């Protein structure tokens, strides 16, 4: 019996889920909202490459924290370091700031 091979999209979803779990463990936010997702597949065709398709997905996340202390830069550095399957842009706000805006 051969192990099943995940589609590129499914494999990518696993990587994103692992990243969000790491983010939640490190920063302990109240909520993480994925408010934008842009995925694309690149299929280069040439005699000089292996004609392998590449799938990438870019996300925009709103992270809500308990305090108003801004940790955007630290979270963005974390995302840039640990997520290599696309781009993640993080906006971080305290709970009270989000409640005031709503």
PDB file of N, CA and C in Angstrom:
ATOM      1  N   UNK A   1       0.829  -1.171   0.000  1.00  0.00           N
ATOM      2  CA  UNK A   1       0.000   0.000   0.000  1.00  0.00           C
ATOM      3  C   UNK A   1       0.881   1.243   0.000  1.00  0.00           C
ATOM      4  N   UNK A   2       0.674   2.125  -0.956  1.00  0.00           N
ATOM      5  CA  UNK A   2       1.470   3.337  -1.071  1.00  0.00           C
ATOM      6  C   UNK A   2       0.882   4.442  -0.211  1.00  0.00           C
ATOM      7  N   UNK A   3       1.757   5.269   0.385  1.00  0.00           N
ATOM      8  CA  UNK A   3       1.218   6.394   1.144  1.00  0.00           C
ATOM      9  C   UNK A   3       0.535   7.374   0.187  1.00  0.00           C
ATOM     10  N   UNK A   4      -0.578   7.947   0.633  1.00  0.00           N
ATOM     11  CA  UNK A   4      -1.299   8.863  -0.238  1.00  0.00           C
ATOM     12  C   UNK A   4      -0.556  10.183  -0.326  1.00  0.00           C
ATOM     13  N   UNK A   5      -0.535  10.741  -1.515  1.00  0.00           N
ATOM     14  CA  UNK A   5       0.132  12.014  -1.738  1.00  0.00           C
ATOM     15  C   UNK A   5      -0.924  13.111  -1.717  1.00  0.00           C
ATOM     16  N   UNK A   6      -0.679  14.126  -0.874  1.00  0.00           N
ATOM     17  CA  UNK A   6      -1.618  15.234  -0.766  1.00  0.00           C
ATOM     18  C   UNK A   6      -1.477  16.154  -1.965  1.00  0.00           C
ATOM     19  N   UNK A   7      -2.561  16.792  -2.342  1.00  0.00           N
ATOM     20  CA  UNK A   7      -2.491  17.797  -3.391  1.00  0.00           C
ATOM     21  C   UNK A   7      -1.664  18.962  -2.871  1.00  0.00           C
ATOM     22  N   UNK A   8      -1.200  19.819  -3.768  1.00  0.00           N
ATOM     23  CA  UNK A   8      -0.396  20.965  -3.348  1.00  0.00           C
ATOM     24  C   UNK A   8      -1.186  21.871  -2.410  1.00  0.00           C
ATOM     25  N   UNK A   9      -2.468  22.065  -2.686  1.00  0.00           N
ATOM     26  CA  UNK A   9      -3.301  22.910  -1.855  1.00  0.00           C
ATOM     27  C   UNK A   9      -3.462  22.319  -0.457  1.00  0.00           C
ATOM     28  N   UNK A  10      -3.700  21.022  -0.369  1.00  0.00           N
ATOM     29  CA  UNK A  10      -3.875  20.358   0.922  1.00  0.00           C
ATOM     30  C   UNK A  10      -2.575  20.368   1.719  1.00  0.00           C
ATOM     31  N   UNK A  11      -1.464  20.127   1.042  1.00  0.00           N
ATOM     32  CA  UNK A  11      -0.169  20.165   1.712  1.00  0.00           C
ATOM     33  C   UNK A  11       0.121  21.570   2.243  1.00  0.00           C
ATOM     34  N   UNK A  12      -0.234  22.559   1.454  1.00  0.00           N
ATOM     35  CA  UNK A  12      -0.036  23.945   1.863  1.00  0.00           C
ATOM     36  C   UNK A  12      -0.895  24.283   3.087  1.00  0.00           C
ATOM     37  N   UNK A  13      -2.127  23.793   3.122  1.00  0.00           N
ATOM     38  CA  UNK A  13      -3.018  24.030   4.259  1.00  0.00           C
ATOM     39  C   UNK A  13      -2.420  23.451   5.541  1.00  0.00           C
ATOM     40  N   UNK A  14      -1.751  22.319   5.436  1.00  0.00           N
ATOM     41  CA  UNK A  14      -1.092  21.719   6.601  1.00  0.00           C
ATOM     42  C   UNK A  14       0.009  22.648   7.111  1.00  0.00           C
ATOM     43  N   UNK A  15       0.818  23.191   6.208  1.00  0.00           N
ATOM     44  CA  UNK A  15       1.888  24.115   6.606  1.00  0.00           C
ATOM     45  C   UNK A  15       1.318  25.366   7.273  1.00  0.00           C
ATOM     46  N   UNK A  16       0.233  25.900   6.735  1.00  0.00           N
ATOM     47  CA  UNK A  16      -0.378  27.100   7.305  1.00  0.00           C
ATOM     48  C   UNK A  16      -0.947  26.811   8.688  1.00  0.00           C
ATOM     49  N   UNK A  17      -1.597  25.678   8.853  1.00  0.00           N
ATOM     50  CA  UNK A  17      -2.146  25.290  10.158  1.00  0.00           C
ATOM     51  C   UNK A  17      -1.023  25.149  11.189  1.00  0.00           C
ATOM     52  N   UNK A  18       0.082  24.532  10.789  1.00  0.00           N
ATOM     53  CA  UNK A  18       1.222  24.392  11.698  1.00  0.00           C
ATOM     54  C   UNK A  18       1.776  25.758  12.086  1.00  0.00           C
ATOM     55  N   UNK A  19       1.848  26.666  11.122  1.00  0.00           N
ATOM     56  CA  UNK A  19       2.336  28.004  11.416  1.00  0.00           C
ATOM     57  C   UNK A  19       1.424  28.719  12.412  1.00  0.00           C
ATOM     58  N   UNK A  20       0.107  28.669  12.192  1.00  0.00           N
ATOM     59  CA  UNK A  20      -0.807  29.372  13.097  1.00  0.00           C
ATOM     60  C   UNK A  20      -0.755  28.776  14.502  1.00  0.00           C
ATOM     61  N   UNK A  21      -0.535  27.476  14.608  1.00  0.00           N
ATOM     62  CA  UNK A  21      -0.385  26.862  15.925  1.00  0.00           C
ATOM     63  C   UNK A  21       0.880  27.361  16.619  1.00  0.00           C
ATOM     64  N   UNK A  22       1.978  27.474  15.874  1.00  0.00           N
ATOM     65  CA  UNK A  22       3.218  28.025  16.439  1.00  0.00           C
ATOM     66  C   UNK A  22       3.029  29.471  16.874  1.00  0.00           C
ATOM     67  N   UNK A  23       2.344  30.253  16.033  1.00  0.00           N
ATOM     68  CA  UNK A  23       2.086  31.652  16.347  1.00  0.00           C
ATOM     69  C   UNK A  23       1.259  31.763  17.629  1.00  0.00           C
ATOM     70  N   UNK A  24       0.229  30.949  17.740  1.00  0.00           N
ATOM     71  CA  UNK A  24      -0.635  30.967  18.920  1.00  0.00           C
ATOM     72  C   UNK A  24       0.128  30.546  20.176  1.00  0.00           C
ATOM     73  N   UNK A  25       1.004  29.565  20.067  1.00  0.00           N
ATOM     74  CA  UNK A  25       1.779  29.122  21.221  1.00  0.00           C
ATOM     75  C   UNK A  25       2.768  30.194  21.679  1.00  0.00           C
ATOM     76  N   UNK A  26       3.396  30.862  20.733  1.00  0.00           N
ATOM     77  CA  UNK A  26       4.430  31.843  21.078  1.00  0.00           C
ATOM     78  C   UNK A  26       3.837  33.124  21.646  1.00  0.00           C
ATOM     79  N   UNK A  27       2.779  33.666  21.031  1.00  0.00           N
ATOM     80  CA  UNK A  27       2.277  34.985  21.407  1.00  0.00           C
ATOM     81  C   UNK A  27       0.985  34.959  22.228  1.00  0.00           C
ATOM     82  N   UNK A  28       0.306  33.816  22.278  1.00  0.00           N
ATOM     83  CA  UNK A  28      -0.927  33.634  23.033  1.00  0.00           C
ATOM     84  C   UNK A  28      -1.961  34.728  22.743  1.00  0.00           C
ATOM     85  N   UNK A  29      -2.342  34.913  21.479  1.00  0.00           N
ATOM     86  CA  UNK A  29      -3.354  35.920  21.152  1.00  0.00           C
ATOM     87  C   UNK A  29      -4.744  35.430  21.545  1.00  0.00           C
ATOM     88  N   UNK A  30      -5.668  36.380  21.622  1.00  0.00           N
ATOM     89  CA  UNK A  30      -7.057  36.012  21.896  1.00  0.00           C
ATOM     90  C   UNK A  30      -7.701  35.396  20.659  1.00  0.00           C
ATOM     91  N   UNK A  31      -7.445  36.014  19.499  1.00  0.00           N
ATOM     92  CA  UNK A  31      -8.018  35.515  18.247  1.00  0.00           C
ATOM     93  C   UNK A  31      -7.071  35.803  17.086  1.00  0.00           C
ATOM     94  N   UNK A  32      -7.175  34.962  16.069  1.00  0.00           N
ATOM     95  CA  UNK A  32      -6.454  35.165  14.811  1.00  0.00           C
ATOM     96  C   UNK A  32      -7.483  35.077  13.693  1.00  0.00           C
ATOM     97  N   UNK A  33      -7.606  36.163  12.928  1.00  0.00           N
ATOM     98  CA  UNK A  33      -8.542  36.195  11.803  1.00  0.00           C
ATOM     99  C   UNK A  33      -7.753  36.192  10.497  1.00  0.00           C
ATOM    100  N   UNK A  34      -8.102  35.300   9.601  1.00  0.00           N
ATOM    101  CA  UNK A  34      -7.532  35.288   8.259  1.00  0.00           C
ATOM    102  C   UNK A  34      -8.498  36.067   7.368  1.00  0.00           C
ATOM    103  N   UNK A  35      -8.178  37.332   7.071  1.00  0.00           N
ATOM    104  CA  UNK A  35      -9.129  38.141   6.314  1.00  0.00           C
ATOM    105  C   UNK A  35      -8.797  38.256   4.832  1.00  0.00           C
ATOM    106  N   UNK A  36      -7.708  37.655   4.402  1.00  0.00           N
ATOM    107  CA  UNK A  36      -7.395  37.656   2.973  1.00  0.00           C
ATOM    108  C   UNK A  36      -6.487  36.474   2.653  1.00  0.00           C
ATOM    109  N   UNK A  37      -6.778  35.838   1.531  1.00  0.00           N
ATOM    110  CA  UNK A  37      -5.973  34.707   1.063  1.00  0.00           C
ATOM    111  C   UNK A  37      -5.885  34.787  -0.453  1.00  0.00           C
ATOM    112  N   UNK A  38      -4.683  34.791  -0.963  1.00  0.00           N
ATOM    113  CA  UNK A  38      -4.458  34.858  -2.404  1.00  0.00           C
ATOM    114  C   UNK A  38      -3.526  33.712  -2.776  1.00  0.00           C
ATOM    115  N   UNK A  39      -4.041  32.742  -3.509  1.00  0.00           N
ATOM    116  CA  UNK A  39      -3.215  31.598  -3.894  1.00  0.00           C
ATOM    117  C   UNK A  39      -2.982  31.609  -5.397  1.00  0.00           C
ATOM    118  N   UNK A  40      -1.846  31.073  -5.775  1.00  0.00           N
ATOM    119  CA  UNK A  40      -1.525  30.996  -7.193  1.00  0.00           C
ATOM    120  C   UNK A  40      -0.598  29.825  -7.454  1.00  0.00           C
ATOM    121  N   UNK A  41      -0.679  29.337  -8.666  1.00  0.00           N
ATOM    122  CA  UNK A  41       0.165  28.239  -9.122  1.00  0.00           C
ATOM    123  C   UNK A  41       0.998  28.737 -10.291  1.00  0.00           C
ATOM    124  N   UNK A  42       2.281  28.454 -10.233  1.00  0.00           N
ATOM    125  CA  UNK A  42       3.205  28.857 -11.292  1.00  0.00           C
ATOM    126  C   UNK A  42       3.663  27.581 -12.007  1.00  0.00           C
ATOM    127  N   UNK A  43       3.421  27.521 -13.318  1.00  0.00           N
ATOM    128  CA  UNK A  43       3.788  26.349 -14.116  1.00  0.00           C
ATOM    129  C   UNK A  43       4.797  26.746 -15.197  1.00  0.00           C
ATOM    130  N   UNK A  44       6.062  26.794 -14.838  1.00  0.00           N
ATOM    131  CA  UNK A  44       7.054  27.152 -15.855  1.00  0.00           C
ATOM    132  C   UNK A  44       7.209  26.025 -16.884  1.00  0.00           C
ATOM    133  N   UNK A  45       7.303  26.409 -18.136  1.00  0.00           N
ATOM    134  CA  UNK A  45       7.482  25.411 -19.187  1.00  0.00           C
ATOM    135  C   UNK A  45       8.708  25.795 -20.009  1.00  0.00           C
ATOM    136  N   UNK A  46       9.648  24.882 -20.021  1.00  0.00           N
ATOM    137  CA  UNK A  46      10.892  25.132 -20.737  1.00  0.00           C
ATOM    138  C   UNK A  46      11.586  23.797 -20.972  1.00  0.00           C
ATOM    139  N   UNK A  47      12.468  23.800 -21.923  1.00  0.00           N
ATOM    140  CA  UNK A  47      13.283  22.605 -22.154  1.00  0.00           C
ATOM    141  C   UNK A  47      14.368  22.481 -21.093  1.00  0.00           C
ATOM    142  N   UNK A  48      14.616  23.558 -20.368  1.00  0.00           N
ATOM    143  CA  UNK A  48      15.745  23.591 -19.443  1.00  0.00           C
ATOM    144  C   UNK A  48      15.354  23.424 -17.983  1.00  0.00           C
ATOM    145  N   UNK A  49      14.081  23.245 -17.672  1.00  0.00           N
ATOM    146  CA  UNK A  49      13.694  22.994 -16.281  1.00  0.00           C
ATOM    147  C   UNK A  49      12.854  21.724 -16.209  1.00  0.00           C
ATOM    148  N   UNK A  50      12.468  21.370 -15.027  1.00  0.00           N
ATOM    149  CA  UNK A  50      11.769  20.103 -14.815  1.00  0.00           C
ATOM    150  C   UNK A  50      10.249  20.200 -14.963  1.00  0.00           C
ATOM    151  N   UNK A  51       9.715  21.337 -15.394  1.00  0.00           N
ATOM    152  CA  UNK A  51       8.283  21.541 -15.615  1.00  0.00           C
ATOM    153  C   UNK A  51       7.443  21.223 -14.373  1.00  0.00           C
ATOM    154  N   UNK A  52       7.989  21.486 -13.215  1.00  0.00           N
ATOM    155  CA  UNK A  52       7.289  21.253 -11.963  1.00  0.00           C
ATOM    156  C   UNK A  52       6.496  22.495 -11.586  1.00  0.00           C
ATOM    157  N   UNK A  53       5.256  22.308 -11.193  1.00  0.00           N
ATOM    158  CA  UNK A  53       4.431  23.453 -10.807  1.00  0.00           C
ATOM    159  C   UNK A  53       4.727  23.834  -9.360  1.00  0.00           C
ATOM    160  N   UNK A  54       4.572  25.126  -9.064  1.00  0.00           N
ATOM    161  CA  UNK A  54       4.835  25.651  -7.732  1.00  0.00           C
ATOM    162  C   UNK A  54       3.575  26.348  -7.235  1.00  0.00           C
ATOM    163  N   UNK A  55       3.131  25.987  -6.030  1.00  0.00           N
ATOM    164  CA  UNK A  55       1.928  26.572  -5.441  1.00  0.00           C
ATOM    165  C   UNK A  55       2.343  27.463  -4.278  1.00  0.00           C
ATOM    166  N   UNK A  56       1.840  28.684  -4.254  1.00  0.00           N
ATOM    167  CA  UNK A  56       2.109  29.623  -3.162  1.00  0.00           C
ATOM    168  C   UNK A  56       0.789  30.226  -2.726  1.00  0.00           C
ATOM    169  N   UNK A  57       0.749  30.649  -1.476  1.00  0.00           N
ATOM    170  CA  UNK A  57      -0.454  31.277  -0.955  1.00  0.00           C
ATOM    171  C   UNK A  57      -0.039  32.402  -0.016  1.00  0.00           C
ATOM    172  N   UNK A  58      -0.635  33.575  -0.217  1.00  0.00           N
ATOM    173  CA  UNK A  58      -0.347  34.736   0.609  1.00  0.00           C
ATOM    174  C   UNK A  58      -1.550  35.017   1.498  1.00  0.00           C
ATOM    175  N   UNK A  59      -1.282  35.294   2.758  1.00  0.00           N
ATOM    176  CA  UNK A  59      -2.329  35.525   3.741  1.00  0.00           C
ATOM    177  C   UNK A  59      -2.163  36.887   4.403  1.00  0.00           C
ATOM    178  N   UNK A  60      -3.286  37.467   4.827  1.00  0.00           N
ATOM    179  CA  UNK A  60      -3.298  38.645   5.685  1.00  0.00           C
ATOM    180  C   UNK A  60      -4.057  38.250   6.945  1.00  0.00           C
ATOM    181  N   UNK A  61      -3.399  38.419   8.094  1.00  0.00           N
ATOM    182  CA  UNK A  61      -3.986  38.014   9.362  1.00  0.00           C
ATOM    183  C   UNK A  61      -4.190  39.218  10.270  1.00  0.00           C
ATOM    184  N   UNK A  62      -5.317  39.244  10.965  1.00  0.00           N
ATOM    185  CA  UNK A  62      -5.553  40.195  12.042  1.00  0.00           C
ATOM    186  C   UNK A  62      -5.433  39.405  13.332  1.00  0.00           C
ATOM    187  N   UNK A  63      -4.505  39.824  14.179  1.00  0.00           N
ATOM    188  CA  UNK A  63      -4.272  39.145  15.448  1.00  0.00           C
ATOM    189  C   UNK A  63      -4.735  40.071  16.567  1.00  0.00           C
ATOM    190  N   UNK A  64      -5.616  39.560  17.412  1.00  0.00           N
ATOM    191  CA  UNK A  64      -6.154  40.340  18.537  1.00  0.00           C
ATOM    192  C   UNK A  64      -5.486  39.848  19.816  1.00  0.00           C
ATOM    193  N   UNK A  65      -4.878  40.801  20.555  1.00  0.00           N
ATOM    194  CA  UNK A  65      -4.202  40.469  21.802  1.00  0.00           C
ATOM    195  C   UNK A  65      -4.957  41.062  22.982  1.00  0.00           C
ATOM    196  N   UNK A  66      -4.629  40.612  24.166  1.00  0.00           N
ATOM    197  CA  UNK A  66      -5.286  41.101  25.382  1.00  0.00           C
ATOM    198  C   UNK A  66      -4.920  42.548  25.677  1.00  0.00           C
ATOM    199  N   UNK A  67      -3.654  42.899  25.525  1.00  0.00           N
ATOM    200  CA  UNK A  67      -3.195  44.240  25.878  1.00  0.00           C
ATOM    201  C   UNK A  67      -3.003  45.092  24.634  1.00  0.00           C
ATOM    202  N   UNK A  68      -2.849  46.383  24.857  1.00  0.00           N
ATOM    203  CA  UNK A  68      -2.656  47.330  23.751  1.00  0.00           C
ATOM    204  C   UNK A  68      -1.189  47.417  23.330  1.00  0.00           C
ATOM    205  N   UNK A  69      -0.312  46.682  23.986  1.00  0.00           N
ATOM    206  CA  UNK A  69       1.103  46.693  23.626  1.00  0.00           C
ATOM    207  C   UNK A  69       1.268  46.183  22.202  1.00  0.00           C
ATOM    208  N   UNK A  70       1.904  46.984  21.364  1.00  0.00           N
ATOM    209  CA  UNK A  70       2.053  46.622  19.954  1.00  0.00           C
ATOM    210  C   UNK A  70       3.231  45.659  19.778  1.00  0.00           C
ATOM    211  N   UNK A  71       2.953  44.506  19.212  1.00  0.00           N
ATOM    212  CA  UNK A  71       3.994  43.522  18.932  1.00  0.00           C
ATOM    213  C   UNK A  71       3.967  43.129  17.463  1.00  0.00           C
ATOM    214  N   UNK A  72       3.495  44.054  16.601  1.00  0.00           N
ATOM    215  CA  UNK A  72       3.400  43.788  15.162  1.00  0.00           C
ATOM    216  C   UNK A  72       4.733  43.341  14.576  1.00  0.00           C
ATOM    217  N   UNK A  73       5.784  44.093  14.895  1.00  0.00           N
ATOM    218  CA  UNK A  73       7.084  43.813  14.287  1.00  0.00           C
ATOM    219  C   UNK A  73       7.629  42.463  14.713  1.00  0.00           C
ATOM    220  N   UNK A  74       7.437  42.111  15.965  1.00  0.00           N
ATOM    221  CA  UNK A  74       7.906  40.820  16.445  1.00  0.00           C
ATOM    222  C   UNK A  74       7.145  39.673  15.775  1.00  0.00           C
ATOM    223  N   UNK A  75       5.827  39.837  15.632  1.00  0.00           N
ATOM    224  CA  UNK A  75       5.024  38.807  14.966  1.00  0.00           C
ATOM    225  C   UNK A  75       5.387  38.696  13.489  1.00  0.00           C
ATOM    226  N   UNK A  76       5.602  39.837  12.840  1.00  0.00           N
ATOM    227  CA  UNK A  76       5.950  39.814  11.417  1.00  0.00           C
ATOM    228  C   UNK A  76       7.307  39.156  11.199  1.00  0.00           C
ATOM    229  N   UNK A  77       8.270  39.447  12.077  1.00  0.00           N
ATOM    230  CA  UNK A  77       9.573  38.783  11.992  1.00  0.00           C
ATOM    231  C   UNK A  77       9.428  37.279  12.176  1.00  0.00           C
ATOM    232  N   UNK A  78       8.573  36.872  13.102  1.00  0.00           N
ATOM    233  CA  UNK A  78       8.305  35.453  13.336  1.00  0.00           C
ATOM    234  C   UNK A  78       7.730  34.812  12.072  1.00  0.00           C
ATOM    235  N   UNK A  79       6.752  35.481  11.450  1.00  0.00           N
ATOM    236  CA  UNK A  79       6.132  34.954  10.231  1.00  0.00           C
ATOM    237  C   UNK A  79       7.149  34.861   9.097  1.00  0.00           C
ATOM    238  N   UNK A  80       7.980  35.885   8.943  1.00  0.00           N
ATOM    239  CA  UNK A  80       8.982  35.879   7.878  1.00  0.00           C
ATOM    240  C   UNK A  80      10.010  34.770   8.074  1.00  0.00           C
ATOM    241  N   UNK A  81      10.305  34.450   9.325  1.00  0.00           N
ATOM    242  CA  UNK A  81      11.303  33.422   9.620  1.00  0.00           C
ATOM    243  C   UNK A  81      10.769  32.007   9.463  1.00  0.00           C
ATOM    244  N   UNK A  82       9.530  31.774   9.892  1.00  0.00           N
ATOM    245  CA  UNK A  82       9.021  30.413   9.992  1.00  0.00           C
ATOM    246  C   UNK A  82       8.071  29.985   8.885  1.00  0.00           C
ATOM    247  N   UNK A  83       7.652  30.899   8.027  1.00  0.00           N
ATOM    248  CA  UNK A  83       6.712  30.511   6.976  1.00  0.00           C
ATOM    249  C   UNK A  83       7.359  30.729   5.617  1.00  0.00           C
ATOM    250  N   UNK A  84       7.665  29.652   4.939  1.00  0.00           N
ATOM    251  CA  UNK A  84       8.400  29.707   3.674  1.00  0.00           C
ATOM    252  C   UNK A  84       7.554  29.297   2.470  1.00  0.00           C
ATOM    253  N   UNK A  85       6.249  29.180   2.637  1.00  0.00           N
ATOM    254  CA  UNK A  85       5.386  28.669   1.570  1.00  0.00           C
ATOM    255  C   UNK A  85       4.507  29.752   0.969  1.00  0.00           C
ATOM    256  N   UNK A  86       4.919  30.982   1.108  1.00  0.00           N
ATOM    257  CA  UNK A  86       4.168  32.133   0.635  1.00  0.00           C
ATOM    258  C   UNK A  86       4.503  33.314   1.524  1.00  0.00           C
ATOM    259  N   UNK A  87       3.586  34.262   1.599  1.00  0.00           N
ATOM    260  CA  UNK A  87       3.809  35.456   2.404  1.00  0.00           C
ATOM    261  C   UNK A  87       2.658  35.615   3.390  1.00  0.00           C
ATOM    262  N   UNK A  88       3.001  35.976   4.615  1.00  0.00           N
ATOM    263  CA  UNK A  88       1.990  36.279   5.616  1.00  0.00           C
ATOM    264  C   UNK A  88       2.220  37.708   6.086  1.00  0.00           C
ATOM    265  N   UNK A  89       1.171  38.514   6.018  1.00  0.00           N
ATOM    266  CA  UNK A  89       1.209  39.878   6.526  1.00  0.00           C
ATOM    267  C   UNK A  89       0.337  39.919   7.770  1.00  0.00           C
ATOM    268  N   UNK A  90       0.895  40.452   8.869  1.00  0.00           N
ATOM    269  CA  UNK A  90       0.184  40.438  10.147  1.00  0.00           C
ATOM    270  C   UNK A  90      -0.117  41.861  10.601  1.00  0.00           C
ATOM    271  N   UNK A  91      -1.367  42.075  10.987  1.00  0.00           N
ATOM    272  CA  UNK A  91      -1.798  43.298  11.645  1.00  0.00           C
ATOM    273  C   UNK A  91      -2.214  42.886  13.049  1.00  0.00           C
ATOM    274  N   UNK A  92      -1.686  43.571  14.049  1.00  0.00           N
ATOM    275  CA  UNK A  92      -1.939  43.182  15.433  1.00  0.00           C
ATOM    276  C   UNK A  92      -2.510  44.368  16.201  1.00  0.00           C
ATOM    277  N   UNK A  93      -3.619  44.132  16.912  1.00  0.00           N
ATOM    278  CA  UNK A  93      -4.245  45.165  17.739  1.00  0.00           C
ATOM    279  C   UNK A  93      -4.726  44.564  19.046  1.00  0.00           C
ATOM    280  N   UNK A  94      -4.783  45.394  20.066  1.00  0.00           N
ATOM    281  CA  UNK A  94      -5.328  44.981  21.347  1.00  0.00           C
ATOM    282  C   UNK A  94      -6.840  44.845  21.263  1.00  0.00           C
ATOM    283  N   UNK A  95      -7.398  44.071  22.172  1.00  0.00           N
ATOM    284  CA  UNK A  95      -8.840  43.791  22.183  1.00  0.00           C
ATOM    285  C   UNK A  95      -9.646  45.092  22.287  1.00  0.00           C
ATOM    286  N   UNK A  96      -9.222  46.007  23.151  1.00  0.00           N
ATOM    287  CA  UNK A  96      -9.977  47.230  23.348  1.00  0.00           C
ATOM    288  C   UNK A  96      -9.968  48.105  22.098  1.00  0.00           C
ATOM    289  N   UNK A  97      -8.848  48.135  21.382  1.00  0.00           N
ATOM    290  CA  UNK A  97      -8.778  48.895  20.129  1.00  0.00           C
ATOM    291  C   UNK A  97      -9.744  48.348  19.090  1.00  0.00           C
ATOM    292  N   UNK A  98      -9.849  47.041  19.009  1.00  0.00           N
ATOM    293  CA  UNK A  98     -10.766  46.421  18.060  1.00  0.00           C
ATOM    294  C   UNK A  98     -12.209  46.692  18.467  1.00  0.00           C
ATOM    295  N   UNK A  99     -12.509  46.598  19.754  1.00  0.00           N
ATOM    296  CA  UNK A  99     -13.871  46.873  20.219  1.00  0.00           C
ATOM    297  C   UNK A  99     -14.261  48.327  19.959  1.00  0.00           C
ATOM    298  N   UNK A 100     -13.330  49.263  20.165  1.00  0.00           N
ATOM    299  CA  UNK A 100     -13.603  50.668  19.903  1.00  0.00           C
ATOM    300  C   UNK A 100     -13.863  50.912  18.417  1.00  0.00           C
ATOM    301  N   UNK A 101     -13.125  50.231  17.562  1.00  0.00           N
ATOM    302  CA  UNK A 101     -13.262  50.408  16.115  1.00  0.00           C
ATOM    303  C   UNK A 101     -14.578  49.811  15.604  1.00  0.00           C
ATOM    304  N   UNK A 102     -15.018  48.752  16.239  1.00  0.00           N
ATOM    305  CA  UNK A 102     -16.250  48.102  15.808  1.00  0.00           C
ATOM    306  C   UNK A 102     -17.432  48.901  16.308  1.00  0.00           C
TER     307      UNK A 102
END
